[in-house]
Amino acid sequence: MSCWVVPTIAAEFWGMPLEQVMQCINRGELTTKIEQGFMFVDVAPDSPIYAPNGLAPEDRPQTFTAVTSVTDDELAALADEVREVDEDQLPEEPDSPEPESAKAHGDWRSARRGVCQSAAAQPGKLGGQSCATPRSLSPR
């Protein structure tokens, strides 16, 4: 099964300088491909190819154990195990309350609006980045 990586990762994987990997690429000694402007090198061209075993779904081995019935006594025993907590193993409560700065913003959207408002007052502070909430994150 092929394993495609960028040439720098291939050089690190093989323990050789990047220049040597690039020379091998130029001589055509390595399998490469280019996708969306990036070059990838196959670091495992001769590895075995994985193929499913081809068994029908009913012939495949189970990967779980089905629980068909549970008695009330078993459920009660499980619930008791969950409730039994050793107080000595619990982490201590922090003495200091949550910082005021964490409470001031509420959620990340209000914090982002606050940053954008302050950035609007100081043009160029965000290095040309937009403060608009991406459409995929904005509520519909």
N, C-alpha and C. Protein backbone atom coordinates (compact mmCIF):
# COMPACT_ATOMS: atom_id res chain seq x y z
N MET A 1 0.84 -1.17 0.00
CA MET A 1 0.00 0.00 0.00
C MET A 1 0.89 1.23 0.00
N SER A 2 0.62 2.14 -0.86
CA SER A 2 1.43 3.35 -0.99
C SER A 2 1.28 4.24 0.23
N CYS A 3 2.33 5.01 0.49
CA CYS A 3 2.32 5.99 1.57
C CYS A 3 2.93 7.26 1.01
N TRP A 4 2.08 8.24 0.71
CA TRP A 4 2.52 9.45 0.04
C TRP A 4 2.82 10.55 1.05
N VAL A 5 4.03 11.11 0.97
CA VAL A 5 4.45 12.20 1.85
C VAL A 5 5.19 13.24 1.02
N VAL A 6 5.35 14.43 1.59
CA VAL A 6 6.12 15.47 0.89
C VAL A 6 7.60 15.10 0.95
N PRO A 7 8.40 15.61 0.03
CA PRO A 7 9.82 15.23 -0.01
C PRO A 7 10.58 15.47 1.29
N THR A 8 10.27 16.53 2.02
CA THR A 8 11.00 16.78 3.28
C THR A 8 10.75 15.67 4.29
N ILE A 9 9.52 15.17 4.36
CA ILE A 9 9.21 14.06 5.27
C ILE A 9 9.88 12.78 4.79
N ALA A 10 9.91 12.57 3.47
CA ALA A 10 10.58 11.39 2.92
C ALA A 10 12.06 11.41 3.28
N ALA A 11 12.69 12.58 3.17
CA ALA A 11 14.11 12.70 3.50
C ALA A 11 14.34 12.37 4.98
N GLU A 12 13.48 12.88 5.84
CA GLU A 12 13.62 12.59 7.27
C GLU A 12 13.37 11.10 7.54
N PHE A 13 12.37 10.53 6.88
CA PHE A 13 12.03 9.12 7.05
C PHE A 13 13.19 8.22 6.65
N TRP A 14 13.83 8.56 5.52
CA TRP A 14 14.93 7.75 5.02
C TRP A 14 16.28 8.13 5.61
N GLY A 15 16.34 9.22 6.37
CA GLY A 15 17.60 9.63 6.99
C GLY A 15 18.62 10.14 5.99
N MET A 16 18.16 10.90 5.02
CA MET A 16 19.07 11.45 4.01
C MET A 16 18.76 12.93 3.81
N PRO A 17 19.69 13.67 3.24
CA PRO A 17 19.44 15.09 3.00
C PRO A 17 18.33 15.29 1.95
N LEU A 18 17.62 16.39 2.08
CA LEU A 18 16.55 16.70 1.14
C LEU A 18 17.10 16.82 -0.29
N GLU A 19 18.29 17.36 -0.42
CA GLU A 19 18.89 17.51 -1.76
C GLU A 19 19.03 16.16 -2.46
N GLN A 20 19.38 15.14 -1.70
CA GLN A 20 19.55 13.80 -2.28
C GLN A 20 18.19 13.26 -2.75
N VAL A 21 17.15 13.48 -1.95
CA VAL A 21 15.80 13.05 -2.35
C VAL A 21 15.39 13.77 -3.63
N MET A 22 15.66 15.08 -3.70
CA MET A 22 15.29 15.85 -4.88
C MET A 22 16.07 15.38 -6.12
N GLN A 23 17.33 14.99 -5.95
CA GLN A 23 18.11 14.45 -7.06
C GLN A 23 17.49 13.13 -7.55
N CYS A 24 17.07 12.28 -6.63
CA CYS A 24 16.44 11.01 -7.00
C CYS A 24 15.14 11.27 -7.76
N ILE A 25 14.40 12.29 -7.33
CA ILE A 25 13.16 12.65 -8.03
C ILE A 25 13.48 13.11 -9.45
N ASN A 26 14.49 13.97 -9.59
CA ASN A 26 14.86 14.49 -10.91
C ASN A 26 15.33 13.40 -11.84
N ARG A 27 16.01 12.37 -11.30
CA ARG A 27 16.49 11.25 -12.12
C ARG A 27 15.39 10.23 -12.40
N GLY A 28 14.20 10.40 -11.77
CA GLY A 28 13.09 9.49 -11.99
C GLY A 28 13.20 8.20 -11.20
N GLU A 29 14.01 8.19 -10.14
CA GLU A 29 14.20 6.98 -9.34
C GLU A 29 13.10 6.80 -8.29
N LEU A 30 12.32 7.83 -8.04
CA LEU A 30 11.26 7.75 -7.03
C LEU A 30 9.91 7.98 -7.68
N THR A 31 8.90 7.31 -7.16
CA THR A 31 7.54 7.50 -7.64
C THR A 31 6.99 8.77 -6.99
N THR A 32 6.52 9.69 -7.82
CA THR A 32 5.98 10.95 -7.32
C THR A 32 4.64 11.23 -7.96
N LYS A 33 3.92 12.13 -7.32
CA LYS A 33 2.70 12.64 -7.93
C LYS A 33 2.53 14.08 -7.45
N ILE A 34 1.80 14.87 -8.22
CA ILE A 34 1.54 16.26 -7.84
C ILE A 34 0.04 16.43 -7.73
N GLU A 35 -0.39 16.91 -6.57
CA GLU A 35 -1.81 17.17 -6.33
C GLU A 35 -1.95 18.58 -5.79
N GLN A 36 -2.77 19.38 -6.45
CA GLN A 36 -3.05 20.75 -6.05
C GLN A 36 -1.77 21.55 -5.83
N GLY A 37 -0.79 21.32 -6.68
CA GLY A 37 0.45 22.08 -6.63
C GLY A 37 1.49 21.55 -5.65
N PHE A 38 1.20 20.47 -4.95
CA PHE A 38 2.14 19.89 -4.00
C PHE A 38 2.68 18.57 -4.53
N MET A 39 3.99 18.37 -4.38
CA MET A 39 4.61 17.13 -4.81
C MET A 39 4.61 16.13 -3.65
N PHE A 40 4.28 14.89 -3.95
CA PHE A 40 4.29 13.82 -2.96
C PHE A 40 5.18 12.69 -3.47
N VAL A 41 5.87 12.04 -2.53
CA VAL A 41 6.76 10.92 -2.83
C VAL A 41 6.18 9.68 -2.17
N ASP A 42 6.20 8.56 -2.87
CA ASP A 42 5.74 7.30 -2.30
C ASP A 42 6.90 6.67 -1.54
N VAL A 43 6.80 6.65 -0.20
CA VAL A 43 7.90 6.12 0.61
C VAL A 43 7.78 4.62 0.83
N ALA A 44 6.69 4.00 0.39
CA ALA A 44 6.53 2.55 0.55
C ALA A 44 5.93 1.95 -0.72
N PRO A 45 6.63 2.06 -1.86
CA PRO A 45 6.03 1.59 -3.11
C PRO A 45 5.89 0.07 -3.22
N ASP A 46 6.73 -0.68 -2.52
CA ASP A 46 6.70 -2.14 -2.65
C ASP A 46 6.01 -2.83 -1.47
N SER A 47 5.32 -2.06 -0.64
CA SER A 47 4.66 -2.67 0.51
C SER A 47 3.42 -3.43 0.05
N PRO A 48 2.99 -4.43 0.84
CA PRO A 48 1.82 -5.20 0.43
C PRO A 48 0.56 -4.34 0.40
N ILE A 49 -0.34 -4.71 -0.47
CA ILE A 49 -1.60 -3.98 -0.62
C ILE A 49 -2.64 -4.65 0.26
N TYR A 50 -3.31 -3.85 1.07
CA TYR A 50 -4.36 -4.37 1.94
C TYR A 50 -5.59 -4.67 1.10
N ALA A 51 -6.14 -5.83 1.33
CA ALA A 51 -7.38 -6.19 0.65
C ALA A 51 -8.33 -6.80 1.68
N PRO A 52 -9.57 -6.39 1.70
CA PRO A 52 -10.52 -6.99 2.63
C PRO A 52 -10.62 -8.49 2.40
N ASN A 53 -11.01 -9.21 3.44
CA ASN A 53 -11.04 -10.67 3.34
C ASN A 53 -12.16 -11.18 2.45
N GLY A 54 -13.10 -10.34 2.08
CA GLY A 54 -14.16 -10.74 1.16
C GLY A 54 -15.24 -11.62 1.76
N LEU A 55 -15.28 -11.74 3.08
CA LEU A 55 -16.33 -12.53 3.72
C LEU A 55 -17.66 -11.79 3.68
N ALA A 56 -18.72 -12.56 3.55
CA ALA A 56 -20.05 -11.99 3.62
C ALA A 56 -20.28 -11.46 5.04
N PRO A 57 -21.10 -10.44 5.23
CA PRO A 57 -21.31 -9.87 6.57
C PRO A 57 -21.69 -10.90 7.62
N GLU A 58 -22.48 -11.87 7.27
CA GLU A 58 -22.90 -12.87 8.27
C GLU A 58 -21.77 -13.85 8.63
N ASP A 59 -20.73 -13.93 7.79
CA ASP A 59 -19.60 -14.83 8.05
C ASP A 59 -18.44 -14.14 8.79
N ARG A 60 -18.50 -12.82 8.94
CA ARG A 60 -17.42 -12.09 9.61
C ARG A 60 -17.48 -12.32 11.12
N PRO A 61 -16.33 -12.38 11.78
CA PRO A 61 -16.34 -12.57 13.24
C PRO A 61 -16.89 -11.34 13.94
N GLN A 62 -17.54 -11.56 15.09
CA GLN A 62 -18.08 -10.45 15.85
C GLN A 62 -16.94 -9.66 16.49
N THR A 63 -17.12 -8.37 16.55
CA THR A 63 -16.14 -7.50 17.19
C THR A 63 -16.66 -6.93 18.50
N PHE A 64 -17.76 -7.50 18.99
CA PHE A 64 -18.37 -7.03 20.22
C PHE A 64 -19.13 -8.18 20.86
N THR A 65 -19.54 -7.99 22.09
CA THR A 65 -20.38 -8.96 22.77
C THR A 65 -21.74 -8.33 23.01
N ALA A 66 -22.75 -8.93 22.48
CA ALA A 66 -24.09 -8.39 22.63
C ALA A 66 -24.64 -8.71 24.01
N VAL A 67 -25.21 -7.70 24.67
CA VAL A 67 -25.87 -7.89 25.96
C VAL A 67 -27.34 -8.08 25.65
N THR A 68 -27.82 -9.28 25.91
CA THR A 68 -29.21 -9.57 25.56
C THR A 68 -30.18 -9.30 26.69
N SER A 69 -29.75 -9.56 27.92
CA SER A 69 -30.64 -9.28 29.04
C SER A 69 -29.81 -9.00 30.28
N VAL A 70 -30.29 -8.07 31.08
CA VAL A 70 -29.63 -7.69 32.32
C VAL A 70 -30.70 -7.65 33.40
N THR A 71 -30.40 -8.29 34.52
CA THR A 71 -31.37 -8.31 35.62
C THR A 71 -31.28 -7.00 36.40
N ASP A 72 -32.33 -6.74 37.17
CA ASP A 72 -32.36 -5.52 37.99
C ASP A 72 -31.23 -5.54 39.02
N ASP A 73 -30.90 -6.73 39.54
CA ASP A 73 -29.82 -6.84 40.52
C ASP A 73 -28.47 -6.46 39.89
N GLU A 74 -28.25 -6.89 38.64
CA GLU A 74 -27.00 -6.56 37.96
C GLU A 74 -26.91 -5.06 37.69
N LEU A 75 -28.02 -4.44 37.28
CA LEU A 75 -28.03 -3.00 37.06
C LEU A 75 -27.77 -2.25 38.36
N ALA A 76 -28.37 -2.69 39.45
CA ALA A 76 -28.15 -2.05 40.75
C ALA A 76 -26.69 -2.17 41.17
N ALA A 77 -26.09 -3.34 40.94
CA ALA A 77 -24.69 -3.53 41.30
C ALA A 77 -23.79 -2.59 40.48
N LEU A 78 -24.09 -2.44 39.21
CA LEU A 78 -23.31 -1.53 38.37
C LEU A 78 -23.47 -0.09 38.83
N ALA A 79 -24.69 0.30 39.19
CA ALA A 79 -24.93 1.66 39.66
C ALA A 79 -24.21 1.92 40.97
N ASP A 80 -24.15 0.93 41.86
CA ASP A 80 -23.45 1.09 43.13
C ASP A 80 -21.96 1.27 42.90
N GLU A 81 -21.40 0.55 41.92
CA GLU A 81 -19.98 0.69 41.62
C GLU A 81 -19.66 2.10 41.16
N VAL A 82 -20.54 2.68 40.39
CA VAL A 82 -20.32 4.03 39.88
C VAL A 82 -20.40 5.04 41.01
N ARG A 83 -21.33 4.85 41.94
CA ARG A 83 -21.52 5.81 43.04
C ARG A 83 -20.40 5.75 44.07
N GLU A 84 -19.72 4.62 44.20
CA GLU A 84 -18.66 4.50 45.19
C GLU A 84 -17.41 5.21 44.69
N VAL A 85 -17.13 6.38 45.27
CA VAL A 85 -15.99 7.18 44.88
C VAL A 85 -15.15 7.44 46.11
N ASP A 86 -13.87 7.20 46.00
CA ASP A 86 -12.96 7.46 47.10
C ASP A 86 -12.67 8.95 47.13
N GLU A 87 -13.10 9.64 48.18
CA GLU A 87 -12.93 11.09 48.28
C GLU A 87 -11.47 11.52 48.24
N ASP A 88 -10.55 10.65 48.68
CA ASP A 88 -9.13 11.00 48.69
C ASP A 88 -8.55 11.07 47.28
N GLN A 89 -9.21 10.41 46.31
CA GLN A 89 -8.70 10.38 44.95
C GLN A 89 -9.22 11.53 44.10
N LEU A 90 -10.18 12.28 44.61
CA LEU A 90 -10.73 13.40 43.84
C LEU A 90 -9.75 14.57 43.88
N PRO A 91 -9.66 15.33 42.79
CA PRO A 91 -8.78 16.51 42.81
C PRO A 91 -9.36 17.56 43.75
N GLU A 92 -8.48 18.34 44.33
CA GLU A 92 -8.92 19.38 45.25
C GLU A 92 -9.56 20.52 44.47
N GLU A 93 -10.55 21.17 45.11
CA GLU A 93 -11.18 22.34 44.52
C GLU A 93 -10.18 23.49 44.54
N PRO A 94 -10.10 24.26 43.47
CA PRO A 94 -9.17 25.39 43.49
C PRO A 94 -9.64 26.43 44.50
N ASP A 95 -8.68 27.04 45.19
CA ASP A 95 -9.01 28.05 46.18
C ASP A 95 -9.44 29.35 45.53
N SER A 96 -8.84 29.66 44.38
CA SER A 96 -9.18 30.92 43.73
C SER A 96 -10.35 30.72 42.78
N PRO A 97 -11.26 31.68 42.73
CA PRO A 97 -12.38 31.56 41.79
C PRO A 97 -11.90 31.74 40.36
N GLU A 98 -12.78 31.48 39.42
CA GLU A 98 -12.45 31.64 38.00
C GLU A 98 -12.09 33.10 37.73
N PRO A 99 -11.05 33.34 36.93
CA PRO A 99 -10.65 34.72 36.67
C PRO A 99 -11.79 35.52 36.05
N GLU A 100 -11.84 36.81 36.37
CA GLU A 100 -12.90 37.67 35.86
C GLU A 100 -12.86 37.77 34.34
N SER A 101 -11.65 37.70 33.77
CA SER A 101 -11.54 37.81 32.31
C SER A 101 -12.25 36.66 31.61
N ALA A 102 -12.25 35.48 32.24
CA ALA A 102 -12.93 34.33 31.63
C ALA A 102 -14.44 34.51 31.69
N LYS A 103 -14.95 35.13 32.73
CA LYS A 103 -16.39 35.33 32.87
C LYS A 103 -16.88 36.48 32.00
N ALA A 104 -16.01 37.42 31.71
CA ALA A 104 -16.42 38.64 31.03
C ALA A 104 -16.94 38.38 29.62
N HIS A 105 -16.37 37.41 28.91
CA HIS A 105 -16.72 37.22 27.51
C HIS A 105 -17.85 36.21 27.29
N GLY A 106 -18.06 35.29 28.17
CA GLY A 106 -19.11 34.30 27.95
C GLY A 106 -18.66 33.25 26.96
N ASP A 107 -19.05 33.36 25.71
CA ASP A 107 -18.65 32.37 24.71
C ASP A 107 -17.65 32.99 23.73
N TRP A 108 -17.12 32.18 22.83
CA TRP A 108 -16.06 32.63 21.93
C TRP A 108 -16.55 33.66 20.93
N ARG A 109 -17.87 33.63 20.58
CA ARG A 109 -18.37 34.60 19.60
C ARG A 109 -18.33 36.02 20.15
N SER A 110 -18.71 36.17 21.42
CA SER A 110 -18.66 37.52 21.99
C SER A 110 -17.22 37.98 22.15
N ALA A 111 -16.31 37.07 22.49
CA ALA A 111 -14.90 37.44 22.58
C ALA A 111 -14.38 37.87 21.21
N ARG A 112 -14.79 37.16 20.18
CA ARG A 112 -14.33 37.51 18.83
C ARG A 112 -14.87 38.88 18.42
N ARG A 113 -16.14 39.16 18.76
CA ARG A 113 -16.70 40.47 18.43
C ARG A 113 -15.91 41.57 19.14
N GLY A 114 -15.56 41.32 20.40
CA GLY A 114 -14.79 42.32 21.15
C GLY A 114 -13.43 42.58 20.52
N VAL A 115 -12.76 41.53 20.08
CA VAL A 115 -11.46 41.68 19.44
C VAL A 115 -11.62 42.44 18.13
N CYS A 116 -12.67 42.13 17.37
CA CYS A 116 -12.88 42.79 16.09
C CYS A 116 -13.19 44.27 16.27
N GLN A 117 -13.95 44.60 17.30
CA GLN A 117 -14.27 46.00 17.56
C GLN A 117 -13.01 46.77 17.92
N SER A 118 -12.14 46.17 18.74
CA SER A 118 -10.91 46.87 19.10
C SER A 118 -9.97 46.95 17.90
N ALA A 119 -9.99 45.93 17.03
CA ALA A 119 -9.14 45.95 15.84
C ALA A 119 -9.64 46.98 14.83
N ALA A 120 -10.97 47.18 14.78
CA ALA A 120 -11.52 48.18 13.87
C ALA A 120 -11.07 49.57 14.27
N ALA A 121 -10.88 49.78 15.57
CA ALA A 121 -10.41 51.07 16.06
C ALA A 121 -8.92 51.26 15.78
N GLN A 122 -8.20 50.16 15.53
CA GLN A 122 -6.76 50.21 15.27
C GLN A 122 -6.46 49.48 13.96
N PRO A 123 -6.66 50.13 12.81
CA PRO A 123 -6.45 49.45 11.53
C PRO A 123 -5.05 48.88 11.42
N GLY A 124 -4.97 47.71 10.80
CA GLY A 124 -3.68 47.06 10.56
C GLY A 124 -3.20 46.19 11.70
N LYS A 125 -3.91 46.15 12.81
CA LYS A 125 -3.47 45.35 13.97
C LYS A 125 -3.57 43.85 13.69
N LEU A 126 -4.55 43.41 12.92
CA LEU A 126 -4.71 41.98 12.65
C LEU A 126 -3.94 41.54 11.42
N GLY A 127 -3.14 42.39 10.86
CA GLY A 127 -2.33 42.01 9.71
C GLY A 127 -3.15 41.68 8.49
N GLY A 128 -4.27 42.37 8.31
CA GLY A 128 -5.10 42.15 7.14
C GLY A 128 -6.08 41.02 7.27
N GLN A 129 -6.14 40.36 8.42
CA GLN A 129 -7.10 39.26 8.60
C GLN A 129 -8.49 39.82 8.80
N SER A 130 -9.46 39.08 8.34
CA SER A 130 -10.84 39.49 8.48
C SER A 130 -11.39 39.05 9.82
N CYS A 131 -12.25 39.86 10.41
CA CYS A 131 -12.88 39.51 11.68
C CYS A 131 -14.25 38.91 11.48
N ALA A 132 -14.71 38.82 10.27
CA ALA A 132 -16.04 38.28 10.04
C ALA A 132 -16.11 36.83 10.47
N THR A 133 -17.23 36.46 11.07
CA THR A 133 -17.43 35.07 11.46
C THR A 133 -17.66 34.25 10.20
N PRO A 134 -16.93 33.17 10.01
CA PRO A 134 -17.15 32.34 8.82
C PRO A 134 -18.58 31.87 8.74
N ARG A 135 -19.10 31.77 7.53
CA ARG A 135 -20.50 31.35 7.36
C ARG A 135 -20.76 29.98 7.97
N SER A 136 -19.78 29.09 7.94
CA SER A 136 -20.01 27.75 8.48
C SER A 136 -20.15 27.77 9.99
N LEU A 137 -19.66 28.83 10.66
CA LEU A 137 -19.74 28.91 12.11
C LEU A 137 -20.85 29.83 12.59
N SER A 138 -21.39 30.65 11.71
CA SER A 138 -22.41 31.59 12.15
C SER A 138 -23.74 30.86 12.32
N PRO A 139 -24.54 31.29 13.32
CA PRO A 139 -25.83 30.62 13.54
C PRO A 139 -26.76 30.89 12.37
N ARG A 140 -27.57 29.91 12.06
CA ARG A 140 -28.48 30.05 10.92
C ARG A 140 -29.87 30.42 11.40
